PDB file of N, CA and C in Angstrom:
ATOM      1  N   ILE A   1      12.539 -29.622  42.502  1.00  0.00           N
ATOM      2  CA  ILE A   1      13.235 -29.395  43.308  1.00  0.00           C
ATOM      3  C   ILE A   1      13.204 -28.332  43.547  1.00  0.00           C
ATOM      4  N   GLU A   2      13.069 -26.791  44.396  1.00  0.00           N
ATOM      5  CA  GLU A   2      12.565 -26.063  44.557  1.00  0.00           C
ATOM      6  C   GLU A   2      13.510 -24.906  44.349  1.00  0.00           C
ATOM      7  N   LYS A   3      13.195 -24.381  43.331  1.00  0.00           N
ATOM      8  CA  LYS A   3      14.356 -23.018  42.384  1.00  0.00           C
ATOM      9  C   LYS A   3      13.509 -21.981  42.708  1.00  0.00           C
ATOM     10  N   ARG A   4      15.263 -21.240  43.651  1.00  0.00           N
ATOM     11  CA  ARG A   4      15.013 -19.999  44.497  1.00  0.00           C
ATOM     12  C   ARG A   4      15.039 -18.845  43.381  1.00  0.00           C
ATOM     13  N   PRO A   5      14.301 -17.473  42.925  1.00  0.00           N
ATOM     14  CA  PRO A   5      13.836 -16.761  42.162  1.00  0.00           C
ATOM     15  C   PRO A   5      15.742 -16.105  42.057  1.00  0.00           C
ATOM     16  N   ASP A   6      16.060 -15.582  41.145  1.00  0.00           N
ATOM     17  CA  ASP A   6      16.429 -15.318  40.833  1.00  0.00           C
ATOM     18  C   ASP A   6      17.737 -13.881  41.655  1.00  0.00           C
ATOM     19  N   GLN A   7      18.835 -13.375  42.277  1.00  0.00           N
ATOM     20  CA  GLN A   7      18.969 -11.972  42.275  1.00  0.00           C
ATOM     21  C   GLN A   7      19.257 -10.821  41.798  1.00  0.00           C
ATOM     22  N   PRO A   8      19.237  -9.561  42.619  1.00  0.00           N
ATOM     23  CA  PRO A   8      20.195  -9.028  41.125  1.00  0.00           C
ATOM     24  C   PRO A   8      21.225  -8.813  41.461  1.00  0.00           C
ATOM     25  N   PRO A   9      21.450  -7.913  40.248  1.00  0.00           N
ATOM     26  CA  PRO A   9      23.011  -7.358  39.906  1.00  0.00           C
ATOM     27  C   PRO A   9      23.402  -6.842  40.745  1.00  0.00           C
ATOM     28  N   PRO A  10      25.422  -7.321  41.129  1.00  0.00           N
ATOM     29  CA  PRO A  10      25.041  -6.810  41.670  1.00  0.00           C
ATOM     30  C   PRO A  10      25.446  -4.914  41.331  1.00  0.00           C
ATOM     31  N   PRO A  11      25.848  -4.056  42.870  1.00  0.00           N
ATOM     32  CA  PRO A  11      25.304  -2.348  42.751  1.00  0.00           C
ATOM     33  C   PRO A  11      26.956  -1.895  41.033  1.00  0.00           C
ATOM     34  N   SER A  12      26.365  -1.291  40.945  1.00  0.00           N
ATOM     35  CA  SER A  12      27.889  -0.715  39.846  1.00  0.00           C
ATOM     36  C   SER A  12      29.302   0.126  40.706  1.00  0.00           C
ATOM     37  N   PRO A  13      30.439  -0.817  40.341  1.00  0.00           N
ATOM     38  CA  PRO A  13      31.363   0.456  41.054  1.00  0.00           C
ATOM     39  C   PRO A  13      31.261   2.400  41.432  1.00  0.00           C
ATOM     40  N   LEU A  14      31.471   2.296  42.405  1.00  0.00           N
ATOM     41  CA  LEU A  14      30.972   3.375  43.183  1.00  0.00           C
ATOM     42  C   LEU A  14      32.861   4.727  42.518  1.00  0.00           C
ATOM     43  N   VAL A  15      32.490   5.216  42.109  1.00  0.00           N
ATOM     44  CA  VAL A  15      33.183   6.159  41.340  1.00  0.00           C
ATOM     45  C   VAL A  15      33.674   7.980  41.782  1.00  0.00           C
ATOM     46  N   ILE A  16      34.315   8.173  42.759  1.00  0.00           N
ATOM     47  CA  ILE A  16      34.902   9.171  43.471  1.00  0.00           C
ATOM     48  C   ILE A  16      35.488  10.241  42.434  1.00  0.00           C
ATOM     49  N   HIS A  17      35.153  10.869  41.884  1.00  0.00           N
ATOM     50  CA  HIS A  17      35.795  11.882  41.384  1.00  0.00           C
ATOM     51  C   HIS A  17      36.127  13.576  42.253  1.00  0.00           C
ATOM     52  N   GLU A  18      37.825  13.674  42.837  1.00  0.00           N
ATOM     53  CA  GLU A  18      38.108  14.028  43.128  1.00  0.00           C
ATOM     54  C   GLU A  18      37.910  16.131  42.841  1.00  0.00           C
ATOM     55  N   HIS A  19      37.505  16.641  42.762  1.00  0.00           N
ATOM     56  CA  HIS A  19      37.559  17.957  41.955  1.00  0.00           C
ATOM     57  C   HIS A  19      38.497  18.757  43.360  1.00  0.00           C
ATOM     58  N   GLN A  20      39.005  19.897  42.818  1.00  0.00           N
ATOM     59  CA  GLN A  20      40.301  21.031  42.891  1.00  0.00           C
ATOM     60  C   GLN A  20      39.064  22.122  43.516  1.00  0.00           C
ATOM     61  N   PRO A  21      38.994  22.917  44.751  1.00  0.00           N
ATOM     62  CA  PRO A  21      37.509  24.035  44.696  1.00  0.00           C
ATOM     63  C   PRO A  21      38.189  24.633  44.046  1.00  0.00           C
ATOM     64  N   ALA A  22      36.785  26.010  43.106  1.00  0.00           N
ATOM     65  CA  ALA A  22      37.630  26.541  42.305  1.00  0.00           C
ATOM     66  C   ALA A  22      38.141  28.313  43.257  1.00  0.00           C
ATOM     67  N   VAL A  23      39.277  28.312  42.350  1.00  0.00           N
ATOM     68  CA  VAL A  23      39.981  28.830  43.072  1.00  0.00           C
ATOM     69  C   VAL A  23      39.469  30.733  42.498  1.00  0.00           C
ATOM     70  N   SER A  24      38.700  31.365  43.436  1.00  0.00           N
ATOM     71  CA  SER A  24      37.696  32.668  42.893  1.00  0.00           C
ATOM     72  C   SER A  24      38.803  33.597  43.124  1.00  0.00           C
ATOM     73  N   THR A  25      38.384  34.057  41.316  1.00  0.00           N
ATOM     74  CA  THR A  25      38.698  35.241  41.025  1.00  0.00           C
ATOM     75  C   THR A  25      39.217  36.781  42.105  1.00  0.00           C
ATOM     76  N   PRO A  26      40.288  38.207  42.498  1.00  0.00           N
ATOM     77  CA  PRO A  26      39.517  38.691  42.423  1.00  0.00           C
ATOM     78  C   PRO A  26      38.935  39.187  41.641  1.00  0.00           C
ATOM     79  N   PRO A  27      38.145  40.741  42.741  1.00  0.00           N
ATOM     80  CA  PRO A  27      37.131  41.291  41.712  1.00  0.00           C
ATOM     81  C   PRO A  27      38.052  42.560  40.571  1.00  0.00           C
ATOM     82  N   PRO A  28      37.465  42.449  39.602  1.00  0.00           N
ATOM     83  CA  PRO A  28      39.005  43.864  39.002  1.00  0.00           C
ATOM     84  C   PRO A  28      39.191  45.303  39.657  1.00  0.00           C
ATOM     85  N   LEU A  29      40.520  44.928  39.878  1.00  0.00           N
ATOM     86  CA  LEU A  29      39.892  47.090  40.995  1.00  0.00           C
ATOM     87  C   LEU A  29      40.480  47.698  39.494  1.00  0.00           C
ATOM     88  N   ILE A  30      39.161  48.929  40.666  1.00  0.00           N
ATOM     89  CA  ILE A  30      38.908  50.016  39.330  1.00  0.00           C
ATOM     90  C   ILE A  30      39.105  51.352  40.649  1.00  0.00           C
ATOM     91  N   ILE A  31      40.382  51.980  40.112  1.00  0.00           N
ATOM     92  CA  ILE A  31      40.627  52.768  40.096  1.00  0.00           C
ATOM     93  C   ILE A  31      40.173  54.103  39.548  1.00  0.00           C
ATOM     94  N   ARG A  32      39.680  55.174  40.931  1.00  0.00           N
ATOM     95  CA  ARG A  32      38.669  55.748  40.553  1.00  0.00           C
ATOM     96  C   ARG A  32      39.388  57.523  39.545  1.00  0.00           C
ATOM     97  N   GLU A  33      39.675  57.712  41.137  1.00  0.00           N
ATOM     98  CA  GLU A  33      41.395  59.254  41.155  1.00  0.00           C
ATOM     99  C   GLU A  33      42.353  58.764  40.075  1.00  0.00           C
ATOM    100  N   ARG A  34      42.880  59.859  40.281  1.00  0.00           N
ATOM    101  CA  ARG A  34      44.129  60.105  39.006  1.00  0.00           C
ATOM    102  C   ARG A  34      44.799  60.494  40.225  1.00  0.00           C
ATOM    103  N   PRO A  35      46.171  58.646  40.518  1.00  0.00           N
ATOM    104  CA  PRO A  35      47.804  58.931  40.931  1.00  0.00           C
ATOM    105  C   PRO A  35      47.454  60.933  41.392  1.00  0.00           C
ATOM    106  N   PRO A  36      48.673  61.078  42.348  1.00  0.00           N
ATOM    107  CA  PRO A  36      49.268  61.826  42.967  1.00  0.00           C
ATOM    108  C   PRO A  36      50.051  62.425  41.872  1.00  0.00           C
ATOM    109  N   VAL A  37      50.527  63.924  41.442  1.00  0.00           N
ATOM    110  CA  VAL A  37      52.285  63.468  40.413  1.00  0.00           C
ATOM    111  C   VAL A  37      53.358  63.469  41.729  1.00  0.00           C
ATOM    112  N   PRO A  38      53.950  62.937  40.866  1.00  0.00           N
ATOM    113  CA  PRO A  38      54.879  62.339  41.695  1.00  0.00           C
ATOM    114  C   PRO A  38      56.873  63.533  42.458  1.00  0.00           C
ATOM    115  N   PRO A  39      56.432  63.972  43.416  1.00  0.00           N
ATOM    116  CA  PRO A  39      57.882  64.965  43.920  1.00  0.00           C
ATOM    117  C   PRO A  39      59.115  65.045  42.589  1.00  0.00           C
ATOM    118  N   LEU A  40      59.068  66.480  42.127  1.00  0.00           N
ATOM    119  CA  LEU A  40      60.322  66.506  41.420  1.00  0.00           C
ATOM    120  C   LEU A  40      61.701  65.710  41.914  1.00  0.00           C
ATOM    121  N   ARG A  41      62.531  65.230  41.392  1.00  0.00           N
ATOM    122  CA  ARG A  41      64.074  65.037  41.935  1.00  0.00           C
ATOM    123  C   ARG A  41      64.445  66.054  42.338  1.00  0.00           C
ATOM    124  N   VAL A  42      64.862  66.178  43.395  1.00  0.00           N
ATOM    125  CA  VAL A  42      66.058  67.156  43.370  1.00  0.00           C
ATOM    126  C   VAL A  42      67.557  66.615  43.468  1.00  0.00           C
ATOM    127  N   PRO A  43      68.471  67.174  42.956  1.00  0.00           N
ATOM    128  CA  PRO A  43      69.986  66.277  42.818  1.00  0.00           C
ATOM    129  C   PRO A  43      70.867  66.747  44.113  1.00  0.00           C
ATOM    130  N   SER A  44      71.085  65.586  44.432  1.00  0.00           N
ATOM    131  CA  SER A  44      71.271  65.191  45.978  1.00  0.00           C
ATOM    132  C   SER A  44      73.364  65.466  46.038  1.00  0.00           C
ATOM    133  N   GLU A  45      73.302  66.715  46.797  1.00  0.00           N
ATOM    134  CA  GLU A  45      74.743  67.351  46.349  1.00  0.00           C
ATOM    135  C   GLU A  45      75.385  66.294  48.576  1.00  0.00           C
ATOM    136  N   THR A  46      77.252  65.468  47.307  1.00  0.00           N
ATOM    137  CA  THR A  46      77.550  65.325  48.598  1.00  0.00           C
ATOM    138  C   THR A  46      78.355  66.568  49.107  1.00  0.00           C
ATOM    139  N   ILE A  47      78.439  65.939  51.102  1.00  0.00           N
ATOM    140  CA  ILE A  47      79.771  66.776  51.708  1.00  0.00           C
ATOM    141  C   ILE A  47      79.943  66.733  52.444  1.00  0.00           C
ATOM    142  N   THR A  48      81.505  66.319  52.375  1.00  0.00           N
ATOM    143  CA  THR A  48      82.707  66.249  53.263  1.00  0.00           C
ATOM    144  C   THR A  48      83.254  66.116  54.069  1.00  0.00           C
ATOM    145  N   ARG A  49      83.161  66.490  55.327  1.00  0.00           N
ATOM    146  CA  ARG A  49      83.184  66.949  56.195  1.00  0.00           C
ATOM    147  C   ARG A  49      84.618  66.355  57.550  1.00  0.00           C
ATOM    148  N   TRP A  50      85.999  66.999  57.966  1.00  0.00           N
ATOM    149  CA  TRP A  50      86.630  66.162  58.317  1.00  0.00           C
ATOM    150  C   TRP A  50      86.622  66.015  59.936  1.00  0.00           C
ATOM    151  N   LEU A  51      86.219  65.082  60.563  1.00  0.00           N
ATOM    152  CA  LEU A  51      86.119  64.896  62.268  1.00  0.00           C
ATOM    153  C   LEU A  51      87.726  64.921  63.186  1.00  0.00           C
ATOM    154  N   PRO A  52      87.378  65.648  63.835  1.00  0.00           N
ATOM    155  CA  PRO A  52      88.480  65.146  64.454  1.00  0.00           C
ATOM    156  C   PRO A  52      88.632  64.370  65.043  1.00  0.00           C
ATOM    157  N   PRO A  53      89.769  63.157  65.217  1.00  0.00           N
ATOM    158  CA  PRO A  53      90.373  62.265  65.991  1.00  0.00           C
ATOM    159  C   PRO A  53      89.586  61.834  67.149  1.00  0.00           C
ATOM    160  N   VAL A  54      88.889  60.695  67.383  1.00  0.00           N
ATOM    161  CA  VAL A  54      88.727  60.000  68.432  1.00  0.00           C
ATOM    162  C   VAL A  54      89.861  59.924  69.568  1.00  0.00           C
ATOM    163  N   PRO A  55      89.885  60.477  70.429  1.00  0.00           N
ATOM    164  CA  PRO A  55      90.382  60.332  71.686  1.00  0.00           C
ATOM    165  C   PRO A  55      91.622  59.599  72.181  1.00  0.00           C
ATOM    166  N   LEU A  56      92.246  58.685  72.179  1.00  0.00           N
ATOM    167  CA  LEU A  56      92.666  57.844  72.354  1.00  0.00           C
ATOM    168  C   LEU A  56      92.258  57.266  74.505  1.00  0.00           C
ATOM    169  N   PRO A  57      91.941  55.983  75.202  1.00  0.00           N
ATOM    170  CA  PRO A  57      91.207  55.741  75.815  1.00  0.00           C
ATOM    171  C   PRO A  57      91.938  55.311  77.576  1.00  0.00           C
ATOM    172  N   PRO A  58      91.680  56.104  78.539  1.00  0.00           N
ATOM    173  CA  PRO A  58      93.724  56.188  79.178  1.00  0.00           C
ATOM    174  C   PRO A  58      93.687  54.940  79.004  1.00  0.00           C
ATOM    175  N   ARG A  59      95.101  54.653  79.655  1.00  0.00           N
ATOM    176  CA  ARG A  59      96.183  53.825  79.473  1.00  0.00           C
ATOM    177  C   ARG A  59      96.276  53.234  80.063  1.00  0.00           C
ATOM    178  N   SER A  60      94.936  53.383  81.180  1.00  0.00           N
ATOM    179  CA  SER A  60      94.314  51.226  82.258  1.00  0.00           C
ATOM    180  C   SER A  60      93.637  50.798  81.565  1.00  0.00           C
ATOM    181  N   LEU A  61      92.763  51.383  80.565  1.00  0.00           N
ATOM    182  CA  LEU A  61      92.359  50.383  79.054  1.00  0.00           C
ATOM    183  C   LEU A  61      93.069  49.661  78.420  1.00  0.00           C
ATOM    184  N   VAL A  62      93.800  49.743  78.028  1.00  0.00           N
ATOM    185  CA  VAL A  62      95.240  49.442  76.678  1.00  0.00           C
ATOM    186  C   VAL A  62      95.053  48.490  76.917  1.00  0.00           C
TER     187      VAL A  62
END
């Protein structure tokens, strides 16, 4: 009886690990100048005016 040579063992299973892409962090914000001073708040005043009434349209349009 003729004996065949032993076959090599089957390869190990292929395992795929999925990785999410690394989130790139933005560079730190560097403020080099002093921000401008905001303008002073001026108190507002309310003005009430009475306007003349709107004239009536001609009767042909009513």
